[in-house]
Structures are given as C-alpha cells and as structure tokens.
Amino acid sequence: MRKNIVPAVPKPLPPFGTRQLREVLGMFPPIDRERLTEHQQENVKAQEENVKQKFLDDELSEDDLVVISTDRAIDGIYSPPCFPNFCPTLTTRNFYLFVMSVSDILNEVPDKDRSFFRFLRPTERLALQGLPPSAALHMPSNVVAVKGAGNAFPPPLIMAVMHPMIDALQQSSFDLGSWPHAPTPGSAGLPIYDRIERLCMAPLPKKAKAKAKAKAKPKAKAKPKAAVHQKPASSSSSHVLNSKPAACKRMRVKVEVSFENSDSDE
C-alpha cells in the first residue's frame, strides 16, 4: 500500500506559521488554591518545585509558561511532564490541564496576584485546535466543549492535507460526480485510482490464500457432551424457582378479573 499509493498522493501545504501559547490564552483571573482538591494541591506544589529545579538547570526561563496536569502525581506510574510554552495533546479526558507562569513561581507571587494560575478554559481549548473560541457559546455545557475540543480535528491541518488533493482531482479527468462508482474500463482514470484497483485485484500470495481457505472451511461440529445426572432439586429450591411464574400467573388472572368487572359495571 505504501509503495503503490503514497507516491501518488500530493504533499500537504507547508506550515502556515506558528503562534505562541500566550497569544492563544486569555487574561482570566487566577483561581484560589483552596478550591483544588487535596490531591491536586499536592501535585501543583510538586510541579512548582519541579519548575524551580528546571530553571536552575537552564531548561526554563522566567518568561516561560508551563502547562501541567493536576490529576497526575510526579512520582506516580504515569509521571506527567511539564510542558513549557505549549499545550499537550487535547483529549476528551484531560479536564485538569493547568497553566502557570514561571516568573510567578520563582518570585513566590501570591496565587491571587499571579498572571497565570488556573485551568485551561474551553474557549482556549477550541482556539488551540484552530477553531473559533466563540463556538463554545453554542455548546450546551463546558463539559461538552472540552470533549468537543478533544475530539476535534484541527481545521488548519485539514486544509493543509485536503487542499492539494482537491486541487489534484480538479486538474485531472476524474469525475467527482461519479464517485464512488468505478470508471468505465475504457476511460482514463486517475492514476491513484488505477493503482488502488490494481492493488485490490492483484492475486493473493500463497500464505494469504492458505489463510483465506482456512477461514472459508466450515468448522467441524462439536460432539454432544454426555448427559450429566443431576440431583433432584429440593422442595425449597423448586419452590423458589417456581414462585416467579406462579406470581406472574396470579397477577395476570387478577388483572383479567379486574377488566371483566369494569366491563360488567359499564
């Protein structure tokens, strides 16, 4: 597939440019540390110490922003990294992505005076995916917006990949109106379509033939198991097993009688 199809696919557009994390984030007020759970507070404190150590190791500067996950402990099985100046992959589950400023951590600025000390907002998540932040206003809740941003496919990436493909189809003799029907045998098809057709119609290798034959072969019927003699159920167990049908029967009779009485009254 890679040798036959990929060479015929046009290359995507070059990068449109880059944006810094600060350009996407809004100036929202910081949150109170006491509003976090005890587990989250411990993780934030551990990440702050981690940021200080990274600054001493020249891995961070005072102008940097870091994004952490407050629901992951540093010493846990899945140790969360500290993301400097970029956001990790957005998913439908990472609700607890937290933004902090390195300069505020180093200078031990109080939480209420920090420039960044809060969770990522749904509008910011959509903006990071290349979607308009105002789309969050048309969603029923913040949870839906977060999940939508995690499930979204970045529109700039879609444009970069699909634009050359659409342009190649437009310049070819391929009729998009006839898709997905195959072109007639005598017409000039698109090279990539011809390659796909030849690949699908190519004879199977010997190993593949053997596997297909083994799958098509009907399985032998299993021999019936010998009858196992069971002890007769006791009177108490039989009463329990038969109580439900008996109760249902009594209820059905009761309902029928009530309907008969109502008809006679009328």
C-alpha atoms as a PDB file:
ATOM      1  CA  MET A   1       0.000   0.000   0.000  1.00  0.00           C
ATOM      2  CA  ARG A   2       2.751   2.445   0.933  1.00  0.00           C
ATOM      3  CA  LYS A   3       4.745   1.805  -2.246  1.00  0.00           C
ATOM      4  CA  ASN A   4       1.753   1.844  -4.593  1.00  0.00           C
ATOM      5  CA  ILE A   5      -0.469   4.568  -3.167  1.00  0.00           C
ATOM      6  CA  VAL A   6       1.576   7.064  -1.138  1.00  0.00           C
ATOM      7  CA  PRO A   7       3.784   8.295  -4.030  1.00  0.00           C
ATOM      8  CA  ALA A   8       0.677   9.352  -5.959  1.00  0.00           C
ATOM      9  CA  VAL A   9      -0.738  11.408  -3.061  1.00  0.00           C
ATOM     10  CA  PRO A  10       0.303  15.087  -3.291  1.00  0.00           C
ATOM     11  CA  LYS A  11       2.311  16.539  -0.435  1.00  0.00           C
ATOM     12  CA  PRO A  12       0.495  18.766   2.100  1.00  0.00           C
ATOM     13  CA  LEU A  13       0.880  22.504   2.193  1.00  0.00           C
ATOM     14  CA  PRO A  14       3.886  23.924   4.073  1.00  0.00           C
ATOM     15  CA  PRO A  15       3.342  25.200   7.633  1.00  0.00           C
ATOM     16  CA  PHE A  16       1.206  28.336   7.841  1.00  0.00           C
ATOM     17  CA  GLY A  17       3.285  29.722  10.702  1.00  0.00           C
ATOM     18  CA  THR A  18       3.476  29.426  14.465  1.00  0.00           C
ATOM     19  CA  ARG A  19       1.698  31.070  17.363  1.00  0.00           C
ATOM     20  CA  GLN A  20       2.949  31.352  20.910  1.00  0.00           C
ATOM     21  CA  LEU A  21       0.916  29.918  23.762  1.00  0.00           C
ATOM     22  CA  ARG A  22       0.425  33.387  25.262  1.00  0.00           C
ATOM     23  CA  GLU A  23      -1.309  34.509  22.068  1.00  0.00           C
ATOM     24  CA  VAL A  24      -3.986  31.861  22.454  1.00  0.00           C
ATOM     25  CA  LEU A  25      -4.591  32.204  26.200  1.00  0.00           C
ATOM     26  CA  GLY A  26      -6.881  34.882  27.560  1.00  0.00           C
ATOM     27  CA  MET A  27      -6.325  37.044  30.596  1.00  0.00           C
ATOM     28  CA  PHE A  28      -8.638  35.258  33.035  1.00  0.00           C
ATOM     29  CA  PRO A  29      -8.343  35.664  36.819  1.00  0.00           C
ATOM     30  CA  PRO A  30      -6.382  33.067  38.789  1.00  0.00           C
ATOM     31  CA  ILE A  31      -8.190  30.560  40.959  1.00  0.00           C
ATOM     32  CA  ASP A  32      -7.912  30.063  44.687  1.00  0.00           C
ATOM     33  CA  ARG A  33      -5.618  27.151  45.569  1.00  0.00           C
ATOM     34  CA  GLU A  34      -8.055  26.120  48.297  1.00  0.00           C
ATOM     35  CA  ARG A  35     -10.640  25.319  45.624  1.00  0.00           C
ATOM     36  CA  LEU A  36      -8.443  22.475  44.390  1.00  0.00           C
ATOM     37  CA  THR A  37      -8.691  19.050  45.924  1.00  0.00           C
ATOM     38  CA  GLU A  38      -6.021  17.960  48.374  1.00  0.00           C
ATOM     39  CA  HIS A  39      -4.559  15.638  45.748  1.00  0.00           C
ATOM     40  CA  GLN A  40      -4.451  18.434  43.159  1.00  0.00           C
ATOM     41  CA  GLN A  41      -2.818  20.838  45.609  1.00  0.00           C
ATOM     42  CA  GLU A  42      -0.065  18.325  46.295  1.00  0.00           C
ATOM     43  CA  ASN A  43       0.547  17.828  42.565  1.00  0.00           C
ATOM     44  CA  VAL A  44       0.661  21.577  41.910  1.00  0.00           C
ATOM     45  CA  LYS A  45       3.134  22.076  44.760  1.00  0.00           C
ATOM     46  CA  ALA A  46       5.341  19.265  43.432  1.00  0.00           C
ATOM     47  CA  GLN A  47       5.256  20.752  39.935  1.00  0.00           C
ATOM     48  CA  GLU A  48       6.223  24.163  41.281  1.00  0.00           C
ATOM     49  CA  GLU A  49       9.316  22.609  42.861  1.00  0.00           C
ATOM     50  CA  ASN A  50       9.957  20.841  39.572  1.00  0.00           C
ATOM     51  CA  VAL A  51       9.791  24.169  37.705  1.00  0.00           C
ATOM     52  CA  LYS A  52      12.311  25.729  40.100  1.00  0.00           C
ATOM     53  CA  GLN A  53      14.725  22.863  39.516  1.00  0.00           C
ATOM     54  CA  LYS A  54      14.314  23.099  35.749  1.00  0.00           C
ATOM     55  CA  PHE A  55      15.061  26.817  35.940  1.00  0.00           C
ATOM     56  CA  LEU A  56      18.299  26.105  37.842  1.00  0.00           C
ATOM     57  CA  ASP A  57      19.188  23.560  35.163  1.00  0.00           C
ATOM     58  CA  ASP A  58      18.645  26.220  32.425  1.00  0.00           C
ATOM     59  CA  GLU A  59      15.726  24.270  30.987  1.00  0.00           C
ATOM     60  CA  LEU A  60      13.260  27.093  31.630  1.00  0.00           C
ATOM     61  CA  SER A  61      13.353  30.891  31.617  1.00  0.00           C
ATOM     62  CA  GLU A  62      11.350  33.417  33.621  1.00  0.00           C
ATOM     63  CA  ASP A  63       9.238  34.361  30.589  1.00  0.00           C
ATOM     64  CA  ASP A  64       8.011  30.806  30.033  1.00  0.00           C
ATOM     65  CA  LEU A  65       4.584  29.372  30.704  1.00  0.00           C
ATOM     66  CA  VAL A  66       4.101  25.770  31.757  1.00  0.00           C
ATOM     67  CA  VAL A  67       1.086  23.501  31.369  1.00  0.00           C
ATOM     68  CA  ILE A  68       0.701  20.658  33.858  1.00  0.00           C
ATOM     69  CA  SER A  69      -1.928  18.056  34.661  1.00  0.00           C
ATOM     70  CA  THR A  70      -3.149  18.437  38.225  1.00  0.00           C
ATOM     71  CA  ASP A  71      -4.608  14.920  38.375  1.00  0.00           C
ATOM     72  CA  ARG A  72      -1.212  13.260  37.840  1.00  0.00           C
ATOM     73  CA  ALA A  73       1.430  12.902  40.522  1.00  0.00           C
ATOM     74  CA  ILE A  74       5.084  13.322  39.621  1.00  0.00           C
ATOM     75  CA  ASP A  75       6.084  10.151  41.435  1.00  0.00           C
ATOM     76  CA  GLY A  76       3.163   8.136  40.035  1.00  0.00           C
ATOM     77  CA  ILE A  77       3.220   5.356  37.467  1.00  0.00           C
ATOM     78  CA  TYR A  78       2.425   7.786  34.663  1.00  0.00           C
ATOM     79  CA  SER A  79       4.640  10.686  35.609  1.00  0.00           C
ATOM     80  CA  PRO A  80       3.262  13.793  33.838  1.00  0.00           C
ATOM     81  CA  PRO A  81       5.787  16.014  32.093  1.00  0.00           C
ATOM     82  CA  CYS A  82       5.901  19.766  32.468  1.00  0.00           C
ATOM     83  CA  PHE A  83       5.070  21.315  29.082  1.00  0.00           C
ATOM     84  CA  PRO A  84       6.933  24.611  28.520  1.00  0.00           C
ATOM     85  CA  ASN A  85       5.211  27.110  26.205  1.00  0.00           C
ATOM     86  CA  PHE A  86       2.963  24.556  24.521  1.00  0.00           C
ATOM     87  CA  CYS A  87      -0.079  22.516  25.321  1.00  0.00           C
ATOM     88  CA  PRO A  88      -0.143  18.711  25.330  1.00  0.00           C
ATOM     89  CA  THR A  89      -2.481  16.791  23.079  1.00  0.00           C
ATOM     90  CA  LEU A  90      -6.066  17.646  23.929  1.00  0.00           C
ATOM     91  CA  THR A  91      -8.283  14.662  24.668  1.00  0.00           C
ATOM     92  CA  THR A  92     -11.797  14.149  25.980  1.00  0.00           C
ATOM     93  CA  ARG A  93     -10.432  13.187  29.406  1.00  0.00           C
ATOM     94  CA  ASN A  94      -7.700  15.669  30.359  1.00  0.00           C
ATOM     95  CA  PHE A  95     -10.011  18.178  32.039  1.00  0.00           C
ATOM     96  CA  TYR A  96      -7.347  19.220  34.548  1.00  0.00           C
ATOM     97  CA  LEU A  97      -4.730  20.950  32.387  1.00  0.00           C
ATOM     98  CA  PHE A  98      -3.346  23.811  34.462  1.00  0.00           C
ATOM     99  CA  VAL A  99      -1.387  26.892  33.332  1.00  0.00           C
ATOM    100  CA  MET A 100       1.274  28.580  35.456  1.00  0.00           C
ATOM    101  CA  SER A 101       3.860  31.312  34.937  1.00  0.00           C
ATOM    102  CA  VAL A 102       7.492  30.502  35.693  1.00  0.00           C
ATOM    103  CA  SER A 103       8.259  34.023  36.923  1.00  0.00           C
ATOM    104  CA  ASP A 104       5.359  33.877  39.404  1.00  0.00           C
ATOM    105  CA  ILE A 105       6.649  30.563  40.748  1.00  0.00           C
ATOM    106  CA  LEU A 106      10.241  31.775  41.110  1.00  0.00           C
ATOM    107  CA  ASN A 107       9.210  35.027  42.803  1.00  0.00           C
ATOM    108  CA  GLU A 108       6.653  33.224  45.004  1.00  0.00           C
ATOM    109  CA  VAL A 109       3.888  35.599  43.990  1.00  0.00           C
ATOM    110  CA  PRO A 110       0.625  35.019  45.915  1.00  0.00           C
ATOM    111  CA  ASP A 111      -1.906  32.998  43.983  1.00  0.00           C
ATOM    112  CA  LYS A 112      -4.426  35.845  43.717  1.00  0.00           C
ATOM    113  CA  ASP A 113      -1.804  38.124  42.104  1.00  0.00           C
ATOM    114  CA  ARG A 114      -0.418  35.643  39.595  1.00  0.00           C
ATOM    115  CA  SER A 115      -0.809  36.229  35.868  1.00  0.00           C
ATOM    116  CA  PHE A 116      -1.440  32.542  35.145  1.00  0.00           C
ATOM    117  CA  PHE A 117      -2.642  30.156  37.802  1.00  0.00           C
ATOM    118  CA  ARG A 118      -5.750  28.401  36.520  1.00  0.00           C
ATOM    119  CA  PHE A 119      -7.203  25.649  34.383  1.00  0.00           C
ATOM    120  CA  LEU A 120      -7.436  25.881  30.616  1.00  0.00           C
ATOM    121  CA  ARG A 121     -10.781  27.342  29.537  1.00  0.00           C
ATOM    122  CA  PRO A 122     -12.979  25.621  26.914  1.00  0.00           C
ATOM    123  CA  THR A 123     -12.611  28.648  24.626  1.00  0.00           C
ATOM    124  CA  GLU A 124      -8.830  28.320  24.805  1.00  0.00           C
ATOM    125  CA  ARG A 125      -9.002  24.608  24.036  1.00  0.00           C
ATOM    126  CA  LEU A 126     -11.003  25.327  20.886  1.00  0.00           C
ATOM    127  CA  ALA A 127      -8.560  28.058  19.869  1.00  0.00           C
ATOM    128  CA  LEU A 128      -5.628  25.668  20.326  1.00  0.00           C
ATOM    129  CA  GLN A 129      -7.366  23.272  17.904  1.00  0.00           C
ATOM    130  CA  GLY A 130      -7.729  26.032  15.311  1.00  0.00           C
ATOM    131  CA  LEU A 131     -11.451  26.506  15.932  1.00  0.00           C
ATOM    132  CA  PRO A 132     -13.185  29.805  16.747  1.00  0.00           C
ATOM    133  CA  PRO A 133     -13.423  30.276  20.535  1.00  0.00           C
ATOM    134  CA  SER A 134     -16.984  31.566  20.118  1.00  0.00           C
ATOM    135  CA  ALA A 135     -18.056  28.016  19.212  1.00  0.00           C
ATOM    136  CA  ALA A 136     -18.089  27.250  22.948  1.00  0.00           C
ATOM    137  CA  LEU A 137     -21.043  29.630  23.323  1.00  0.00           C
ATOM    138  CA  HIS A 138     -23.171  27.372  21.126  1.00  0.00           C
ATOM    139  CA  MET A 139     -22.479  24.239  23.176  1.00  0.00           C
ATOM    140  CA  PRO A 140     -24.773  23.125  25.999  1.00  0.00           C
ATOM    141  CA  SER A 141     -22.060  22.978  28.685  1.00  0.00           C
ATOM    142  CA  ASN A 142     -18.351  23.374  29.352  1.00  0.00           C
ATOM    143  CA  VAL A 143     -18.004  19.590  29.583  1.00  0.00           C
ATOM    144  CA  VAL A 144     -19.348  19.229  26.047  1.00  0.00           C
ATOM    145  CA  ALA A 145     -16.986  21.960  24.854  1.00  0.00           C
ATOM    146  CA  VAL A 146     -13.973  20.240  26.425  1.00  0.00           C
ATOM    147  CA  LYS A 147     -14.932  16.888  24.930  1.00  0.00           C
ATOM    148  CA  GLY A 148     -15.635  18.528  21.577  1.00  0.00           C
ATOM    149  CA  ALA A 149     -12.200  20.143  21.534  1.00  0.00           C
ATOM    150  CA  GLY A 150     -10.633  16.796  22.418  1.00  0.00           C
ATOM    151  CA  ASN A 151     -12.494  15.015  19.606  1.00  0.00           C
ATOM    152  CA  ALA A 152     -11.938  17.788  17.066  1.00  0.00           C
ATOM    153  CA  PHE A 153      -9.597  17.571  14.103  1.00  0.00           C
ATOM    154  CA  PRO A 154      -7.645  20.849  13.612  1.00  0.00           C
ATOM    155  CA  PRO A 155      -9.094  22.712  10.594  1.00  0.00           C
ATOM    156  CA  PRO A 156      -5.662  24.103   9.551  1.00  0.00           C
ATOM    157  CA  LEU A 157      -4.364  20.537   9.294  1.00  0.00           C
ATOM    158  CA  ILE A 158      -7.427  19.512   7.271  1.00  0.00           C
ATOM    159  CA  MET A 159      -6.831  22.390   4.861  1.00  0.00           C
ATOM    160  CA  ALA A 160      -3.126  21.596   4.549  1.00  0.00           C
ATOM    161  CA  VAL A 161      -3.828  17.950   3.656  1.00  0.00           C
ATOM    162  CA  MET A 162      -7.023  18.244   1.619  1.00  0.00           C
ATOM    163  CA  HIS A 163      -6.224  21.335  -0.475  1.00  0.00           C
ATOM    164  CA  PRO A 164      -3.519  19.634  -2.591  1.00  0.00           C
ATOM    165  CA  MET A 165      -5.733  16.550  -3.007  1.00  0.00           C
ATOM    166  CA  ILE A 166      -8.737  18.574  -4.168  1.00  0.00           C
ATOM    167  CA  ASP A 167      -6.503  20.598  -6.477  1.00  0.00           C
ATOM    168  CA  ALA A 168      -5.091  17.389  -7.989  1.00  0.00           C
ATOM    169  CA  LEU A 169      -8.591  15.991  -8.516  1.00  0.00           C
ATOM    170  CA  GLN A 170      -9.712  19.235 -10.143  1.00  0.00           C
ATOM    171  CA  GLN A 171      -6.838  19.156 -12.636  1.00  0.00           C
ATOM    172  CA  SER A 172      -7.407  15.502 -13.514  1.00  0.00           C
ATOM    173  CA  SER A 173     -10.020  13.813 -15.659  1.00  0.00           C
ATOM    174  CA  PHE A 174     -11.573  12.138 -12.654  1.00  0.00           C
ATOM    175  CA  ASP A 175     -15.293  12.845 -12.328  1.00  0.00           C
ATOM    176  CA  LEU A 176     -16.149  13.528  -8.701  1.00  0.00           C
ATOM    177  CA  GLY A 177     -19.836  13.294  -9.557  1.00  0.00           C
ATOM    178  CA  SER A 178     -19.455   9.597 -10.366  1.00  0.00           C
ATOM    179  CA  TRP A 179     -17.795   8.770  -7.054  1.00  0.00           C
ATOM    180  CA  PRO A 180     -17.805   6.135  -5.591  1.00  0.00           C
ATOM    181  CA  HIS A 181     -18.708   4.257  -8.790  1.00  0.00           C
ATOM    182  CA  ALA A 182     -15.735   2.839 -10.651  1.00  0.00           C
ATOM    183  CA  PRO A 183     -14.885   4.411 -14.045  1.00  0.00           C
ATOM    184  CA  THR A 184     -15.636   2.509 -17.200  1.00  0.00           C
ATOM    185  CA  PRO A 185     -12.875   0.162 -18.429  1.00  0.00           C
ATOM    186  CA  GLY A 186     -12.081   2.326 -21.451  1.00  0.00           C
ATOM    187  CA  SER A 187     -11.983   5.714 -19.742  1.00  0.00           C
ATOM    188  CA  ALA A 188      -8.843   7.414 -18.493  1.00  0.00           C
ATOM    189  CA  GLY A 189      -8.958   7.148 -14.714  1.00  0.00           C
ATOM    190  CA  LEU A 190      -6.956   8.904 -12.080  1.00  0.00           C
ATOM    191  CA  PRO A 191      -3.520   7.283 -11.558  1.00  0.00           C
ATOM    192  CA  ILE A 192      -4.112   6.803  -7.834  1.00  0.00           C
ATOM    193  CA  TYR A 193      -7.466   5.144  -8.528  1.00  0.00           C
ATOM    194  CA  ASP A 194      -5.858   2.797 -11.059  1.00  0.00           C
ATOM    195  CA  ARG A 195      -3.203   1.860  -8.503  1.00  0.00           C
ATOM    196  CA  ILE A 196      -5.807   1.107  -5.879  1.00  0.00           C
ATOM    197  CA  GLU A 197      -7.761  -1.013  -8.356  1.00  0.00           C
ATOM    198  CA  ARG A 198      -4.695  -2.979  -9.436  1.00  0.00           C
ATOM    199  CA  LEU A 199      -3.708  -3.477  -5.805  1.00  0.00           C
ATOM    200  CA  CYS A 200      -7.155  -4.793  -4.888  1.00  0.00           C
ATOM    201  CA  MET A 201      -7.356  -7.074  -7.929  1.00  0.00           C
ATOM    202  CA  ALA A 202      -3.820  -8.461  -7.561  1.00  0.00           C
ATOM    203  CA  PRO A 203      -3.612 -12.213  -6.857  1.00  0.00           C
ATOM    204  CA  LEU A 204      -3.122 -13.186  -3.252  1.00  0.00           C
ATOM    205  CA  PRO A 205       0.205 -14.633  -2.086  1.00  0.00           C
ATOM    206  CA  LYS A 206       0.353 -18.297  -1.117  1.00  0.00           C
ATOM    207  CA  LYS A 207       0.210 -17.605   2.628  1.00  0.00           C
ATOM    208  CA  ALA A 208      -2.797 -15.308   2.201  1.00  0.00           C
ATOM    209  CA  LYS A 209      -4.533 -17.931   0.066  1.00  0.00           C
ATOM    210  CA  ALA A 210      -3.981 -20.567   2.728  1.00  0.00           C
ATOM    211  CA  LYS A 211      -5.410 -18.269   5.438  1.00  0.00           C
ATOM    212  CA  ALA A 212      -8.447 -17.405   3.320  1.00  0.00           C
ATOM    213  CA  LYS A 213      -9.033 -21.094   2.577  1.00  0.00           C
ATOM    214  CA  ALA A 214      -8.779 -21.963   6.274  1.00  0.00           C
ATOM    215  CA  LYS A 215     -11.316 -19.289   7.148  1.00  0.00           C
ATOM    216  CA  ALA A 216     -13.733 -20.447   4.455  1.00  0.00           C
ATOM    217  CA  LYS A 217     -13.536 -24.090   5.581  1.00  0.00           C
ATOM    218  CA  PRO A 218     -16.517 -24.922   7.797  1.00  0.00           C
ATOM    219  CA  LYS A 219     -15.673 -25.893  11.334  1.00  0.00           C
ATOM    220  CA  ALA A 220     -16.343 -29.436  12.463  1.00  0.00           C
ATOM    221  CA  LYS A 221     -19.363 -29.821  14.657  1.00  0.00           C
ATOM    222  CA  ALA A 222     -18.562 -30.404  18.284  1.00  0.00           C
ATOM    223  CA  LYS A 223     -19.581 -33.751  19.695  1.00  0.00           C
ATOM    224  CA  PRO A 224     -22.523 -33.573  22.077  1.00  0.00           C
ATOM    225  CA  LYS A 225     -21.495 -33.837  25.669  1.00  0.00           C
ATOM    226  CA  ALA A 226     -22.592 -36.793  27.712  1.00  0.00           C
ATOM    227  CA  ALA A 227     -25.621 -36.206  29.827  1.00  0.00           C
ATOM    228  CA  VAL A 228     -24.798 -35.356  33.421  1.00  0.00           C
ATOM    229  CA  HIS A 229     -27.141 -36.759  36.028  1.00  0.00           C
ATOM    230  CA  GLN A 230     -28.080 -34.060  38.478  1.00  0.00           C
ATOM    231  CA  LYS A 231     -29.624 -34.493  41.869  1.00  0.00           C
ATOM    232  CA  PRO A 232     -33.295 -33.589  42.059  1.00  0.00           C
ATOM    233  CA  ALA A 233     -33.883 -30.163  43.476  1.00  0.00           C
ATOM    234  CA  SER A 234     -35.167 -29.945  46.987  1.00  0.00           C
ATOM    235  CA  SER A 235     -38.650 -28.766  47.727  1.00  0.00           C
ATOM    236  CA  SER A 236     -37.390 -25.387  48.939  1.00  0.00           C
ATOM    237  CA  SER A 237     -35.349 -24.719  45.774  1.00  0.00           C
ATOM    238  CA  SER A 238     -38.163 -25.832  43.482  1.00  0.00           C
ATOM    239  CA  HIS A 239     -40.488 -23.506  45.350  1.00  0.00           C
ATOM    240  CA  VAL A 240     -38.089 -20.603  44.740  1.00  0.00           C
ATOM    241  CA  LEU A 241     -37.714 -21.431  41.049  1.00  0.00           C
ATOM    242  CA  ASN A 242     -41.434 -21.817  40.504  1.00  0.00           C
ATOM    243  CA  SER A 243     -42.527 -18.901  42.634  1.00  0.00           C
ATOM    244  CA  LYS A 244     -41.961 -16.274  39.945  1.00  0.00           C
ATOM    245  CA  PRO A 245     -44.106 -17.925  37.225  1.00  0.00           C
ATOM    246  CA  ALA A 246     -46.795 -18.614  39.813  1.00  0.00           C
ATOM    247  CA  ALA A 247     -46.773 -14.996  40.945  1.00  0.00           C
ATOM    248  CA  CYS A 248     -46.955 -13.811  37.338  1.00  0.00           C
ATOM    249  CA  LYS A 249     -49.884 -16.136  36.680  1.00  0.00           C
ATOM    250  CA  ARG A 250     -51.763 -14.879  39.760  1.00  0.00           C
ATOM    251  CA  MET A 251     -51.134 -11.284  38.680  1.00  0.00           C
ATOM    252  CA  ARG A 252     -52.392 -11.992  35.149  1.00  0.00           C
ATOM    253  CA  VAL A 253     -55.567 -13.577  36.496  1.00  0.00           C
ATOM    254  CA  LYS A 254     -56.099 -10.651  38.840  1.00  0.00           C
ATOM    255  CA  VAL A 255     -55.753  -8.155  36.002  1.00  0.00           C
ATOM    256  CA  GLU A 256     -58.142 -10.110  33.801  1.00  0.00           C
ATOM    257  CA  VAL A 257     -60.735 -10.271  36.577  1.00  0.00           C
ATOM    258  CA  SER A 258     -60.464  -6.532  37.178  1.00  0.00           C
ATOM    259  CA  PHE A 259     -61.013  -5.825  33.478  1.00  0.00           C
ATOM    260  CA  GLU A 260     -64.051  -8.144  33.474  1.00  0.00           C
ATOM    261  CA  ASN A 261     -65.521  -6.387  36.485  1.00  0.00           C
ATOM    262  CA  SER A 262     -65.007  -2.973  34.870  1.00  0.00           C
ATOM    263  CA  ASP A 263     -66.808  -4.156  31.714  1.00  0.00           C
ATOM    264  CA  SER A 264     -69.707  -5.536  33.731  1.00  0.00           C
ATOM    265  CA  ASP A 265     -70.042  -2.268  35.646  1.00  0.00           C
ATOM    266  CA  GLU A 266     -70.367  -0.330  32.427  1.00  0.00           C
END
